[in-house]
Amino acid sequence: QVQLVESGGGLVQAGGSLRLSCAASERTFSNYPMAWFRQAPGKEREFVAHINWNGGYTAYADSVLGRFTISRDNAAITVYLQMNSLKPEDTAIYYCAARKTKYYTGSSKPNDYDYWGQGTQVTVSS
């Protein structure tokens, strides 16, 4: 069964850093664009960042631009989200997602993604 498993969430003070990881269960994922989304209580799921299949193209939501960095290691079939200068408004469940379109660019739309992880909680205290 295809799986995406996130890890690395936790509680951090404002201004701190966390690195999220998303490990895929199949090597095929190294050919797929991947993304991170987040969902805060009472809010819709929102786009955070996406990366194309070889890491050559990335895109970010305005709210995280300059603070977060998405990257991938295809040998390890893992995608990362380095989060710096965290703010309380970054508090959410963070999900990774894979788009089942080989060699395509990613998308900021949740409906364009075919596989989702279970999520990891990130809490930023003020």
PDB file of N, CA and C in Angstrom:
ATOM      1  N   GLN A   1       0.856  -1.193   0.000  1.00  0.00           N
ATOM      2  CA  GLN A   1       0.000   0.000   0.000  1.00  0.00           C
ATOM      3  C   GLN A   1       0.891   1.242   0.000  1.00  0.00           C
ATOM      4  N   VAL A   2       0.555   2.151  -0.886  1.00  0.00           N
ATOM      5  CA  VAL A   2       1.329   3.387  -0.987  1.00  0.00           C
ATOM      6  C   VAL A   2       1.147   4.211   0.282  1.00  0.00           C
ATOM      7  N   GLN A   3       2.258   4.692   0.813  1.00  0.00           N
ATOM      8  CA  GLN A   3       2.191   5.489   2.035  1.00  0.00           C
ATOM      9  C   GLN A   3       3.126   6.670   1.987  1.00  0.00           C
ATOM     10  N   LEU A   4       2.671   7.753   2.627  1.00  0.00           N
ATOM     11  CA  LEU A   4       3.511   8.904   2.923  1.00  0.00           C
ATOM     12  C   LEU A   4       3.461   9.088   4.429  1.00  0.00           C
ATOM     13  N   VAL A   5       4.610   9.155   5.060  1.00  0.00           N
ATOM     14  CA  VAL A   5       4.662   9.248   6.516  1.00  0.00           C
ATOM     15  C   VAL A   5       5.450  10.487   6.910  1.00  0.00           C
ATOM     16  N   GLU A   6       4.751  11.418   7.565  1.00  0.00           N
ATOM     17  CA  GLU A   6       5.403  12.643   8.031  1.00  0.00           C
ATOM     18  C   GLU A   6       5.974  12.450   9.428  1.00  0.00           C
ATOM     19  N   SER A   7       7.008  13.212   9.720  1.00  0.00           N
ATOM     20  CA  SER A   7       7.588  13.239  11.057  1.00  0.00           C
ATOM     21  C   SER A   7       8.278  14.582  11.260  1.00  0.00           C
ATOM     22  N   GLY A   8       8.634  14.863  12.507  1.00  0.00           N
ATOM     23  CA  GLY A   8       9.398  16.071  12.803  1.00  0.00           C
ATOM     24  C   GLY A   8       8.610  17.197  13.423  1.00  0.00           C
ATOM     25  N   GLY A   9       7.302  17.028  13.560  1.00  0.00           N
ATOM     26  CA  GLY A   9       6.513  18.071  14.183  1.00  0.00           C
ATOM     27  C   GLY A   9       6.782  18.148  15.675  1.00  0.00           C
ATOM     28  N   GLY A  10       6.234  19.178  16.302  1.00  0.00           N
ATOM     29  CA  GLY A  10       6.408  19.328  17.740  1.00  0.00           C
ATOM     30  C   GLY A  10       6.052  20.715  18.207  1.00  0.00           C
ATOM     31  N   LEU A  11       6.446  21.018  19.435  1.00  0.00           N
ATOM     32  CA  LEU A  11       6.188  22.314  20.052  1.00  0.00           C
ATOM     33  C   LEU A  11       7.478  23.122  20.039  1.00  0.00           C
ATOM     34  N   VAL A  12       7.391  24.354  19.572  1.00  0.00           N
ATOM     35  CA  VAL A  12       8.568  25.215  19.486  1.00  0.00           C
ATOM     36  C   VAL A  12       8.157  26.648  19.818  1.00  0.00           C
ATOM     37  N   GLN A  13       9.084  27.410  20.358  1.00  0.00           N
ATOM     38  CA  GLN A  13       8.795  28.821  20.645  1.00  0.00           C
ATOM     39  C   GLN A  13       8.887  29.654  19.371  1.00  0.00           C
ATOM     40  N   ALA A  14       8.186  30.752  19.375  1.00  0.00           N
ATOM     41  CA  ALA A  14       8.245  31.678  18.245  1.00  0.00           C
ATOM     42  C   ALA A  14       9.701  32.079  17.979  1.00  0.00           C
ATOM     43  N   GLY A  15      10.053  32.087  16.704  1.00  0.00           N
ATOM     44  CA  GLY A  15      11.418  32.368  16.299  1.00  0.00           C
ATOM     45  C   GLY A  15      12.276  31.138  16.133  1.00  0.00           C
ATOM     46  N   GLY A  16      11.765  30.002  16.576  1.00  0.00           N
ATOM     47  CA  GLY A  16      12.510  28.759  16.489  1.00  0.00           C
ATOM     48  C   GLY A  16      12.382  28.091  15.131  1.00  0.00           C
ATOM     49  N   SER A  17      12.947  26.891  15.046  1.00  0.00           N
ATOM     50  CA  SER A  17      12.980  26.138  13.784  1.00  0.00           C
ATOM     51  C   SER A  17      12.561  24.695  13.993  1.00  0.00           C
ATOM     52  N   LEU A  18      12.022  24.119  12.935  1.00  0.00           N
ATOM     53  CA  LEU A  18      11.722  22.693  12.890  1.00  0.00           C
ATOM     54  C   LEU A  18      11.991  22.206  11.479  1.00  0.00           C
ATOM     55  N   ARG A  19      12.310  20.921  11.345  1.00  0.00           N
ATOM     56  CA  ARG A  19      12.418  20.313  10.030  1.00  0.00           C
ATOM     57  C   ARG A  19      11.476  19.128   9.955  1.00  0.00           C
ATOM     58  N   LEU A  20      10.540  19.213   9.035  1.00  0.00           N
ATOM     59  CA  LEU A  20       9.612  18.125   8.799  1.00  0.00           C
ATOM     60  C   LEU A  20      10.165  17.204   7.717  1.00  0.00           C
ATOM     61  N   SER A  21       9.861  15.921   7.841  1.00  0.00           N
ATOM     62  CA  SER A  21      10.241  14.933   6.842  1.00  0.00           C
ATOM     63  C   SER A  21       9.007  14.192   6.375  1.00  0.00           C
ATOM     64  N   CYS A  22       9.031  13.760   5.135  1.00  0.00           N
ATOM     65  CA  CYS A  22       7.943  12.966   4.572  1.00  0.00           C
ATOM     66  C   CYS A  22       8.588  11.825   3.798  1.00  0.00           C
ATOM     67  N   ALA A  23       8.456  10.624   4.327  1.00  0.00           N
ATOM     68  CA  ALA A  23       9.063   9.454   3.707  1.00  0.00           C
ATOM     69  C   ALA A  23       8.017   8.693   2.911  1.00  0.00           C
ATOM     70  N   ALA A  24       8.353   8.372   1.669  1.00  0.00           N
ATOM     71  CA  ALA A  24       7.437   7.627   0.801  1.00  0.00           C
ATOM     72  C   ALA A  24       7.782   6.146   0.833  1.00  0.00           C
ATOM     73  N   SER A  25       6.762   5.336   0.557  1.00  0.00           N
ATOM     74  CA  SER A  25       6.937   3.884   0.667  1.00  0.00           C
ATOM     75  C   SER A  25       7.394   3.238  -0.625  1.00  0.00           C
ATOM     76  N   GLU A  26       7.301   3.967  -1.740  1.00  0.00           N
ATOM     77  CA  GLU A  26       7.658   3.387  -3.030  1.00  0.00           C
ATOM     78  C   GLU A  26       8.602   4.309  -3.787  1.00  0.00           C
ATOM     79  N   ARG A  27       9.541   3.704  -4.495  1.00  0.00           N
ATOM     80  CA  ARG A  27      10.536   4.491  -5.224  1.00  0.00           C
ATOM     81  C   ARG A  27       9.920   5.314  -6.339  1.00  0.00           C
ATOM     82  N   THR A  28       8.743   4.910  -6.803  1.00  0.00           N
ATOM     83  CA  THR A  28       8.055   5.666  -7.853  1.00  0.00           C
ATOM     84  C   THR A  28       7.858   7.129  -7.462  1.00  0.00           C
ATOM     85  N   PHE A  29       7.738   7.381  -6.171  1.00  0.00           N
ATOM     86  CA  PHE A  29       7.518   8.745  -5.700  1.00  0.00           C
ATOM     87  C   PHE A  29       8.672   9.673  -6.042  1.00  0.00           C
ATOM     88  N   SER A  30       9.835   9.127  -6.326  1.00  0.00           N
ATOM     89  CA  SER A  30      10.952   9.991  -6.696  1.00  0.00           C
ATOM     90  C   SER A  30      10.702  10.684  -8.029  1.00  0.00           C
ATOM     91  N   ASN A  31       9.712  10.231  -8.784  1.00  0.00           N
ATOM     92  CA  ASN A  31       9.365  10.848 -10.062  1.00  0.00           C
ATOM     93  C   ASN A  31       8.199  11.828  -9.966  1.00  0.00           C
ATOM     94  N   TYR A  32       7.590  11.936  -8.786  1.00  0.00           N
ATOM     95  CA  TYR A  32       6.383  12.745  -8.630  1.00  0.00           C
ATOM     96  C   TYR A  32       6.693  14.107  -7.998  1.00  0.00           C
ATOM     97  N   PRO A  33       5.974  15.135  -8.408  1.00  0.00           N
ATOM     98  CA  PRO A  33       6.041  16.379  -7.645  1.00  0.00           C
ATOM     99  C   PRO A  33       5.410  16.156  -6.266  1.00  0.00           C
ATOM    100  N   MET A  34       5.943  16.868  -5.280  1.00  0.00           N
ATOM    101  CA  MET A  34       5.479  16.713  -3.907  1.00  0.00           C
ATOM    102  C   MET A  34       5.182  18.093  -3.328  1.00  0.00           C
ATOM    103  N   ALA A  35       4.400  18.094  -2.256  1.00  0.00           N
ATOM    104  CA  ALA A  35       4.027  19.378  -1.656  1.00  0.00           C
ATOM    105  C   ALA A  35       3.777  19.223  -0.165  1.00  0.00           C
ATOM    106  N   TRP A  36       3.797  20.356   0.494  1.00  0.00           N
ATOM    107  CA  TRP A  36       3.363  20.458   1.883  1.00  0.00           C
ATOM    108  C   TRP A  36       2.157  21.389   1.939  1.00  0.00           C
ATOM    109  N   PHE A  37       1.157  20.953   2.694  1.00  0.00           N
ATOM    110  CA  PHE A  37      -0.009  21.755   3.011  1.00  0.00           C
ATOM    111  C   PHE A  37      -0.144  21.797   4.531  1.00  0.00           C
ATOM    112  N   ARG A  38      -0.977  22.705   5.010  1.00  0.00           N
ATOM    113  CA  ARG A  38      -1.241  22.751   6.444  1.00  0.00           C
ATOM    114  C   ARG A  38      -2.688  23.118   6.682  1.00  0.00           C
ATOM    115  N   GLN A  39      -3.169  22.717   7.861  1.00  0.00           N
ATOM    116  CA  GLN A  39      -4.544  23.020   8.230  1.00  0.00           C
ATOM    117  C   GLN A  39      -4.601  23.361   9.707  1.00  0.00           C
ATOM    118  N   ALA A  40      -5.037  24.572   9.980  1.00  0.00           N
ATOM    119  CA  ALA A  40      -5.215  25.038  11.351  1.00  0.00           C
ATOM    120  C   ALA A  40      -6.655  24.755  11.778  1.00  0.00           C
ATOM    121  N   PRO A  41      -6.912  24.671  13.077  1.00  0.00           N
ATOM    122  CA  PRO A  41      -8.281  24.400  13.553  1.00  0.00           C
ATOM    123  C   PRO A  41      -9.275  25.416  13.010  1.00  0.00           C
ATOM    124  N   GLY A  42     -10.363  24.914  12.451  1.00  0.00           N
ATOM    125  CA  GLY A  42     -11.415  25.781  11.950  1.00  0.00           C
ATOM    126  C   GLY A  42     -11.120  26.427  10.619  1.00  0.00           C
ATOM    127  N   LYS A  43      -9.998  26.056  10.012  1.00  0.00           N
ATOM    128  CA  LYS A  43      -9.633  26.668   8.733  1.00  0.00           C
ATOM    129  C   LYS A  43      -9.494  25.599   7.655  1.00  0.00           C
ATOM    130  N   GLU A  44      -9.527  26.043   6.409  1.00  0.00           N
ATOM    131  CA  GLU A  44      -9.348  25.122   5.300  1.00  0.00           C
ATOM    132  C   GLU A  44      -7.868  24.762   5.145  1.00  0.00           C
ATOM    133  N   ARG A  45      -7.647  23.630   4.492  1.00  0.00           N
ATOM    134  CA  ARG A  45      -6.279  23.237   4.205  1.00  0.00           C
ATOM    135  C   ARG A  45      -5.667  24.242   3.237  1.00  0.00           C
ATOM    136  N   GLU A  46      -4.432  24.675   3.535  1.00  0.00           N
ATOM    137  CA  GLU A  46      -3.810  25.674   2.683  1.00  0.00           C
ATOM    138  C   GLU A  46      -2.440  25.209   2.202  1.00  0.00           C
ATOM    139  N   PHE A  47      -2.087  25.687   1.030  1.00  0.00           N
ATOM    140  CA  PHE A  47      -0.817  25.367   0.399  1.00  0.00           C
ATOM    141  C   PHE A  47       0.327  26.018   1.160  1.00  0.00           C
ATOM    142  N   VAL A  48       1.434  25.279   1.284  1.00  0.00           N
ATOM    143  CA  VAL A  48       2.637  25.816   1.910  1.00  0.00           C
ATOM    144  C   VAL A  48       3.777  25.909   0.888  1.00  0.00           C
ATOM    145  N   ALA A  49       4.104  24.764   0.255  1.00  0.00           N
ATOM    146  CA  ALA A  49       5.210  24.737  -0.699  1.00  0.00           C
ATOM    147  C   ALA A  49       5.095  23.495  -1.570  1.00  0.00           C
ATOM    148  N   HIS A  50       5.631  23.582  -2.794  1.00  0.00           N
ATOM    149  CA  HIS A  50       5.721  22.379  -3.613  1.00  0.00           C
ATOM    150  C   HIS A  50       7.072  22.334  -4.317  1.00  0.00           C
ATOM    151  N   ILE A  51       7.435  21.137  -4.759  1.00  0.00           N
ATOM    152  CA  ILE A  51       8.727  20.906  -5.400  1.00  0.00           C
ATOM    153  C   ILE A  51       8.533  19.927  -6.546  1.00  0.00           C
ATOM    154  N   ASN A  52       9.213  20.175  -7.663  1.00  0.00           N
ATOM    155  CA  ASN A  52       9.023  19.266  -8.788  1.00  0.00           C
ATOM    156  C   ASN A  52       9.829  17.992  -8.567  1.00  0.00           C
ATOM    157  N   TRP A  53       9.798  17.098  -9.536  1.00  0.00           N
ATOM    158  CA  TRP A  53      10.285  15.739  -9.307  1.00  0.00           C
ATOM    159  C   TRP A  53      11.781  15.697  -9.010  1.00  0.00           C
ATOM    160  N   ASN A  54      12.565  16.598  -9.584  1.00  0.00           N
ATOM    161  CA  ASN A  54      14.020  16.531  -9.374  1.00  0.00           C
ATOM    162  C   ASN A  54      14.554  17.654  -8.497  1.00  0.00           C
ATOM    163  N   GLY A  55      13.640  18.419  -7.909  1.00  0.00           N
ATOM    164  CA  GLY A  55      14.073  19.497  -7.017  1.00  0.00           C
ATOM    165  C   GLY A  55      14.490  20.764  -7.721  1.00  0.00           C
ATOM    166  N   GLY A  56      14.331  20.804  -9.028  1.00  0.00           N
ATOM    167  CA  GLY A  56      14.784  21.953  -9.788  1.00  0.00           C
ATOM    168  C   GLY A  56      13.838  23.138  -9.768  1.00  0.00           C
ATOM    169  N   TYR A  57      12.634  22.923  -9.299  1.00  0.00           N
ATOM    170  CA  TYR A  57      11.656  24.015  -9.237  1.00  0.00           C
ATOM    171  C   TYR A  57      10.884  23.906  -7.932  1.00  0.00           C
ATOM    172  N   THR A  58      10.783  25.026  -7.252  1.00  0.00           N
ATOM    173  CA  THR A  58      10.009  25.084  -6.017  1.00  0.00           C
ATOM    174  C   THR A  58       9.105  26.317  -6.029  1.00  0.00           C
ATOM    175  N   ALA A  59       8.056  26.267  -5.237  1.00  0.00           N
ATOM    176  CA  ALA A  59       7.162  27.409  -5.095  1.00  0.00           C
ATOM    177  C   ALA A  59       6.647  27.438  -3.664  1.00  0.00           C
ATOM    178  N   TYR A  60       6.341  28.655  -3.195  1.00  0.00           N
ATOM    179  CA  TYR A  60       5.947  28.841  -1.800  1.00  0.00           C
ATOM    180  C   TYR A  60       4.738  29.757  -1.692  1.00  0.00           C
ATOM    181  N   ALA A  61       3.981  29.541  -0.631  1.00  0.00           N
ATOM    182  CA  ALA A  61       2.938  30.498  -0.272  1.00  0.00           C
ATOM    183  C   ALA A  61       3.609  31.782   0.209  1.00  0.00           C
ATOM    184  N   ASP A  62       2.970  32.909  -0.036  1.00  0.00           N
ATOM    185  CA  ASP A  62       3.542  34.194   0.374  1.00  0.00           C
ATOM    186  C   ASP A  62       3.808  34.232   1.879  1.00  0.00           C
ATOM    187  N   SER A  63       2.967  33.559   2.641  1.00  0.00           N
ATOM    188  CA  SER A  63       3.071  33.617   4.097  1.00  0.00           C
ATOM    189  C   SER A  63       4.326  32.938   4.645  1.00  0.00           C
ATOM    190  N   VAL A  64       4.955  32.074   3.844  1.00  0.00           N
ATOM    191  CA  VAL A  64       6.136  31.347   4.328  1.00  0.00           C
ATOM    192  C   VAL A  64       7.390  31.669   3.518  1.00  0.00           C
ATOM    193  N   LEU A  65       7.237  32.428   2.444  1.00  0.00           N
ATOM    194  CA  LEU A  65       8.365  32.737   1.571  1.00  0.00           C
ATOM    195  C   LEU A  65       9.484  33.418   2.356  1.00  0.00           C
ATOM    196  N   GLY A  66      10.678  32.882   2.205  1.00  0.00           N
ATOM    197  CA  GLY A  66      11.842  33.426   2.900  1.00  0.00           C
ATOM    198  C   GLY A  66      12.080  32.800   4.263  1.00  0.00           C
ATOM    199  N   ARG A  67      11.118  32.059   4.772  1.00  0.00           N
ATOM    200  CA  ARG A  67      11.257  31.399   6.083  1.00  0.00           C
ATOM    201  C   ARG A  67      11.304  29.875   5.962  1.00  0.00           C
ATOM    202  N   PHE A  68      10.572  29.325   5.010  1.00  0.00           N
ATOM    203  CA  PHE A  68      10.499  27.873   4.828  1.00  0.00           C
ATOM    204  C   PHE A  68      11.248  27.482   3.558  1.00  0.00           C
ATOM    205  N   THR A  69      11.817  26.268   3.580  1.00  0.00           N
ATOM    206  CA  THR A  69      12.490  25.731   2.409  1.00  0.00           C
ATOM    207  C   THR A  69      12.078  24.281   2.204  1.00  0.00           C
ATOM    208  N   ILE A  70      11.584  23.979   1.013  1.00  0.00           N
ATOM    209  CA  ILE A  70      11.242  22.605   0.670  1.00  0.00           C
ATOM    210  C   ILE A  70      12.404  22.008  -0.118  1.00  0.00           C
ATOM    211  N   SER A  71      12.683  20.737   0.142  1.00  0.00           N
ATOM    212  CA  SER A  71      13.751  20.049  -0.573  1.00  0.00           C
ATOM    213  C   SER A  71      13.413  18.570  -0.634  1.00  0.00           C
ATOM    214  N   ARG A  72      14.178  17.826  -1.418  1.00  0.00           N
ATOM    215  CA  ARG A  72      13.919  16.403  -1.512  1.00  0.00           C
ATOM    216  C   ARG A  72      15.219  15.652  -1.733  1.00  0.00           C
ATOM    217  N   ASP A  73      15.209  14.405  -1.289  1.00  0.00           N
ATOM    218  CA  ASP A  73      16.311  13.476  -1.497  1.00  0.00           C
ATOM    219  C   ASP A  73      15.703  12.259  -2.163  1.00  0.00           C
ATOM    220  N   ASN A  74      15.827  12.160  -3.474  1.00  0.00           N
ATOM    221  CA  ASN A  74      15.165  11.071  -4.189  1.00  0.00           C
ATOM    222  C   ASN A  74      15.805   9.717  -3.897  1.00  0.00           C
ATOM    223  N   ALA A  75      17.061   9.696  -3.547  1.00  0.00           N
ATOM    224  CA  ALA A  75      17.676   8.420  -3.168  1.00  0.00           C
ATOM    225  C   ALA A  75      17.011   7.858  -1.910  1.00  0.00           C
ATOM    226  N   ALA A  76      16.601   8.747  -1.031  1.00  0.00           N
ATOM    227  CA  ALA A  76      15.929   8.345   0.209  1.00  0.00           C
ATOM    228  C   ALA A  76      14.412   8.423   0.081  1.00  0.00           C
ATOM    229  N   ILE A  77      13.929   8.817  -1.095  1.00  0.00           N
ATOM    230  CA  ILE A  77      12.491   9.051  -1.357  1.00  0.00           C
ATOM    231  C   ILE A  77      11.842   9.787  -0.187  1.00  0.00           C
ATOM    232  N   THR A  78      12.452  10.916   0.140  1.00  0.00           N
ATOM    233  CA  THR A  78      12.002  11.727   1.267  1.00  0.00           C
ATOM    234  C   THR A  78      11.973  13.196   0.857  1.00  0.00           C
ATOM    235  N   VAL A  79      10.941  13.879   1.317  1.00  0.00           N
ATOM    236  CA  VAL A  79      10.813  15.314   1.099  1.00  0.00           C
ATOM    237  C   VAL A  79      10.889  16.003   2.456  1.00  0.00           C
ATOM    238  N   TYR A  80      11.498  17.163   2.464  1.00  0.00           N
ATOM    239  CA  TYR A  80      11.701  17.897   3.710  1.00  0.00           C
ATOM    240  C   TYR A  80      11.060  19.275   3.643  1.00  0.00           C
ATOM    241  N   LEU A  81      10.746  19.801   4.816  1.00  0.00           N
ATOM    242  CA  LEU A  81      10.323  21.189   4.934  1.00  0.00           C
ATOM    243  C   LEU A  81      11.077  21.788   6.113  1.00  0.00           C
ATOM    244  N   GLN A  82      12.056  22.614   5.802  1.00  0.00           N
ATOM    245  CA  GLN A  82      12.803  23.339   6.832  1.00  0.00           C
ATOM    246  C   GLN A  82      12.045  24.603   7.158  1.00  0.00           C
ATOM    247  N   MET A  83      11.679  24.770   8.415  1.00  0.00           N
ATOM    248  CA  MET A  83      10.869  25.907   8.836  1.00  0.00           C
ATOM    249  C   MET A  83      11.663  26.735   9.845  1.00  0.00           C
ATOM    250  N   ASN A  84      11.982  27.953   9.466  1.00  0.00           N
ATOM    251  CA  ASN A  84      12.728  28.866  10.323  1.00  0.00           C
ATOM    252  C   ASN A  84      11.865  30.067  10.690  1.00  0.00           C
ATOM    253  N   SER A  85      12.289  30.786  11.705  1.00  0.00           N
ATOM    254  CA  SER A  85      11.576  31.994  12.150  1.00  0.00           C
ATOM    255  C   SER A  85      10.087  31.720  12.314  1.00  0.00           C
ATOM    256  N   LEU A  86       9.778  30.653  12.997  1.00  0.00           N
ATOM    257  CA  LEU A  86       8.389  30.240  13.135  1.00  0.00           C
ATOM    258  C   LEU A  86       7.580  31.252  13.932  1.00  0.00           C
ATOM    259  N   LYS A  87       6.311  31.362  13.536  1.00  0.00           N
ATOM    260  CA  LYS A  87       5.384  32.292  14.169  1.00  0.00           C
ATOM    261  C   LYS A  87       4.195  31.511  14.729  1.00  0.00           C
ATOM    262  N   PRO A  88       3.500  32.056  15.718  1.00  0.00           N
ATOM    263  CA  PRO A  88       2.314  31.356  16.245  1.00  0.00           C
ATOM    264  C   PRO A  88       1.291  31.026  15.154  1.00  0.00           C
ATOM    265  N   GLU A  89       1.189  31.875  14.145  1.00  0.00           N
ATOM    266  CA  GLU A  89       0.220  31.609  13.075  1.00  0.00           C
ATOM    267  C   GLU A  89       0.635  30.456  12.169  1.00  0.00           C
ATOM    268  N   ASP A  90       1.835  29.910  12.360  1.00  0.00           N
ATOM    269  CA  ASP A  90       2.243  28.711  11.631  1.00  0.00           C
ATOM    270  C   ASP A  90       1.714  27.439  12.289  1.00  0.00           C
ATOM    271  N   THR A  91       1.094  27.572  13.447  1.00  0.00           N
ATOM    272  CA  THR A  91       0.550  26.424  14.145  1.00  0.00           C
ATOM    273  C   THR A  91      -0.528  25.747  13.303  1.00  0.00           C
ATOM    274  N   ALA A  92      -0.358  24.449  13.069  1.00  0.00           N
ATOM    275  CA  ALA A  92      -1.283  23.696  12.213  1.00  0.00           C
ATOM    276  C   ALA A  92      -0.832  22.242  12.162  1.00  0.00           C
ATOM    277  N   ILE A  93      -1.674  21.423  11.571  1.00  0.00           N
ATOM    278  CA  ILE A  93      -1.243  20.081  11.171  1.00  0.00           C
ATOM    279  C   ILE A  93      -0.666  20.207   9.767  1.00  0.00           C
ATOM    280  N   TYR A  94       0.526  19.681   9.589  1.00  0.00           N
ATOM    281  CA  TYR A  94       1.208  19.772   8.296  1.00  0.00           C
ATOM    282  C   TYR A  94       1.118  18.410   7.599  1.00  0.00           C
ATOM    283  N   TYR A  95       0.712  18.468   6.337  1.00  0.00           N
ATOM    284  CA  TYR A  95       0.538  17.272   5.537  1.00  0.00           C
ATOM    285  C   TYR A  95       1.456  17.312   4.319  1.00  0.00           C
ATOM    286  N   CYS A  96       2.042  16.181   3.972  1.00  0.00           N
ATOM    287  CA  CYS A  96       2.727  16.112   2.689  1.00  0.00           C
ATOM    288  C   CYS A  96       1.813  15.397   1.699  1.00  0.00           C
ATOM    289  N   ALA A  97       2.031  15.679   0.430  1.00  0.00           N
ATOM    290  CA  ALA A  97       1.182  15.153  -0.623  1.00  0.00           C
ATOM    291  C   ALA A  97       2.025  14.883  -1.858  1.00  0.00           C
ATOM    292  N   ALA A  98       1.569  13.918  -2.644  1.00  0.00           N
ATOM    293  CA  ALA A  98       2.246  13.564  -3.891  1.00  0.00           C
ATOM    294  C   ALA A  98       1.250  13.623  -5.041  1.00  0.00           C
ATOM    295  N   ARG A  99       1.735  14.161  -6.150  1.00  0.00           N
ATOM    296  CA  ARG A  99       0.907  14.257  -7.344  1.00  0.00           C
ATOM    297  C   ARG A  99       1.357  13.179  -8.312  1.00  0.00           C
ATOM    298  N   LYS A 100       0.437  12.293  -8.686  1.00  0.00           N
ATOM    299  CA  LYS A 100       0.766  11.119  -9.475  1.00  0.00           C
ATOM    300  C   LYS A 100       0.890  11.473 -10.951  1.00  0.00           C
ATOM    301  N   THR A 101       1.843  12.362 -11.259  1.00  0.00           N
ATOM    302  CA  THR A 101       2.087  12.777 -12.642  1.00  0.00           C
ATOM    303  C   THR A 101       3.596  12.864 -12.815  1.00  0.00           C
ATOM    304  N   LYS A 102       4.168  11.844 -13.419  1.00  0.00           N
ATOM    305  CA  LYS A 102       5.615  11.767 -13.502  1.00  0.00           C
ATOM    306  C   LYS A 102       6.213  12.975 -14.196  1.00  0.00           C
ATOM    307  N   TYR A 103       7.222  13.525 -13.551  1.00  0.00           N
ATOM    308  CA  TYR A 103       8.060  14.586 -14.116  1.00  0.00           C
ATOM    309  C   TYR A 103       7.334  15.910 -14.281  1.00  0.00           C
ATOM    310  N   TYR A 104       6.160  16.052 -13.701  1.00  0.00           N
ATOM    311  CA  TYR A 104       5.425  17.305 -13.771  1.00  0.00           C
ATOM    312  C   TYR A 104       5.882  18.270 -12.677  1.00  0.00           C
ATOM    313  N   THR A 105       5.483  19.504 -12.841  1.00  0.00           N
ATOM    314  CA  THR A 105       5.656  20.504 -11.798  1.00  0.00           C
ATOM    315  C   THR A 105       4.540  20.319 -10.768  1.00  0.00           C
ATOM    316  N   GLY A 106       4.761  20.812  -9.569  1.00  0.00           N
ATOM    317  CA  GLY A 106       3.745  20.707  -8.540  1.00  0.00           C
ATOM    318  C   GLY A 106       2.611  21.687  -8.749  1.00  0.00           C
ATOM    319  N   SER A 107       1.730  21.737  -7.756  1.00  0.00           N
ATOM    320  CA  SER A 107       0.550  22.590  -7.821  1.00  0.00           C
ATOM    321  C   SER A 107       0.231  23.085  -6.418  1.00  0.00           C
ATOM    322  N   SER A 108      -0.443  24.219  -6.344  1.00  0.00           N
ATOM    323  CA  SER A 108      -0.861  24.743  -5.042  1.00  0.00           C
ATOM    324  C   SER A 108      -2.274  24.310  -4.676  1.00  0.00           C
ATOM    325  N   LYS A 109      -2.899  23.491  -5.518  1.00  0.00           N
ATOM    326  CA  LYS A 109      -4.283  23.084  -5.286  1.00  0.00           C
ATOM    327  C   LYS A 109      -4.330  21.688  -4.661  1.00  0.00           C
ATOM    328  N   PRO A 110      -4.941  21.550  -3.499  1.00  0.00           N
ATOM    329  CA  PRO A 110      -5.010  20.227  -2.853  1.00  0.00           C
ATOM    330  C   PRO A 110      -5.633  19.158  -3.744  1.00  0.00           C
ATOM    331  N   ASN A 111      -6.613  19.526  -4.549  1.00  0.00           N
ATOM    332  CA  ASN A 111      -7.301  18.527  -5.371  1.00  0.00           C
ATOM    333  C   ASN A 111      -6.419  17.953  -6.473  1.00  0.00           C
ATOM    334  N   ASP A 112      -5.275  18.569  -6.726  1.00  0.00           N
ATOM    335  CA  ASP A 112      -4.359  18.050  -7.749  1.00  0.00           C
ATOM    336  C   ASP A 112      -3.479  16.922  -7.225  1.00  0.00           C
ATOM    337  N   TYR A 113      -3.572  16.628  -5.940  1.00  0.00           N
ATOM    338  CA  TYR A 113      -2.708  15.621  -5.339  1.00  0.00           C
ATOM    339  C   TYR A 113      -3.463  14.326  -5.068  1.00  0.00           C
ATOM    340  N   ASP A 114      -2.752  13.225  -5.286  1.00  0.00           N
ATOM    341  CA  ASP A 114      -3.379  11.903  -5.236  1.00  0.00           C
ATOM    342  C   ASP A 114      -3.097  11.137  -3.942  1.00  0.00           C
ATOM    343  N   TYR A 115      -1.994  11.445  -3.298  1.00  0.00           N
ATOM    344  CA  TYR A 115      -1.606  10.731  -2.077  1.00  0.00           C
ATOM    345  C   TYR A 115      -1.320  11.742  -0.978  1.00  0.00           C
ATOM    346  N   TRP A 116      -1.741  11.364   0.222  1.00  0.00           N
ATOM    347  CA  TRP A 116      -1.571  12.240   1.380  1.00  0.00           C
ATOM    348  C   TRP A 116      -1.037  11.457   2.574  1.00  0.00           C
ATOM    349  N   GLY A 117      -0.226  12.126   3.369  1.00  0.00           N
ATOM    350  CA  GLY A 117       0.197  11.539   4.630  1.00  0.00           C
ATOM    351  C   GLY A 117      -0.835  11.779   5.715  1.00  0.00           C
ATOM    352  N   GLN A 118      -0.546  11.293   6.913  1.00  0.00           N
ATOM    353  CA  GLN A 118      -1.497  11.396   8.016  1.00  0.00           C
ATOM    354  C   GLN A 118      -1.380  12.726   8.758  1.00  0.00           C
ATOM    355  N   GLY A 119      -0.318  13.452   8.508  1.00  0.00           N
ATOM    356  CA  GLY A 119      -0.134  14.760   9.119  1.00  0.00           C
ATOM    357  C   GLY A 119       0.738  14.719  10.357  1.00  0.00           C
ATOM    358  N   THR A 120       1.394  15.830  10.635  1.00  0.00           N
ATOM    359  CA  THR A 120       2.190  15.985  11.849  1.00  0.00           C
ATOM    360  C   THR A 120       1.897  17.365  12.435  1.00  0.00           C
ATOM    361  N   GLN A 121       1.695  17.414  13.745  1.00  0.00           N
ATOM    362  CA  GLN A 121       1.291  18.647  14.412  1.00  0.00           C
ATOM    363  C   GLN A 121       2.501  19.551  14.658  1.00  0.00           C
ATOM    364  N   VAL A 122       2.352  20.798  14.288  1.00  0.00           N
ATOM    365  CA  VAL A 122       3.346  21.824  14.601  1.00  0.00           C
ATOM    366  C   VAL A 122       2.654  22.886  15.440  1.00  0.00           C
ATOM    367  N   THR A 123       3.193  23.145  16.616  1.00  0.00           N
ATOM    368  CA  THR A 123       2.645  24.151  17.507  1.00  0.00           C
ATOM    369  C   THR A 123       3.728  25.158  17.856  1.00  0.00           C
ATOM    370  N   VAL A 124       3.436  26.428  17.599  1.00  0.00           N
ATOM    371  CA  VAL A 124       4.400  27.497  17.867  1.00  0.00           C
ATOM    372  C   VAL A 124       3.835  28.377  18.976  1.00  0.00           C
ATOM    373  N   SER A 125       4.534  28.440  20.076  1.00  0.00           N
ATOM    374  CA  SER A 125       4.073  29.231  21.215  1.00  0.00           C
ATOM    375  C   SER A 125       4.653  30.643  21.145  1.00  0.00           C
ATOM    376  N   SER A 126       3.879  31.591  21.649  1.00  0.00           N
ATOM    377  CA  SER A 126       4.324  32.992  21.606  1.00  0.00           C
ATOM    378  C   SER A 126       5.136  33.359  22.833  1.00  0.00           C
TER     379      SER A 126
END
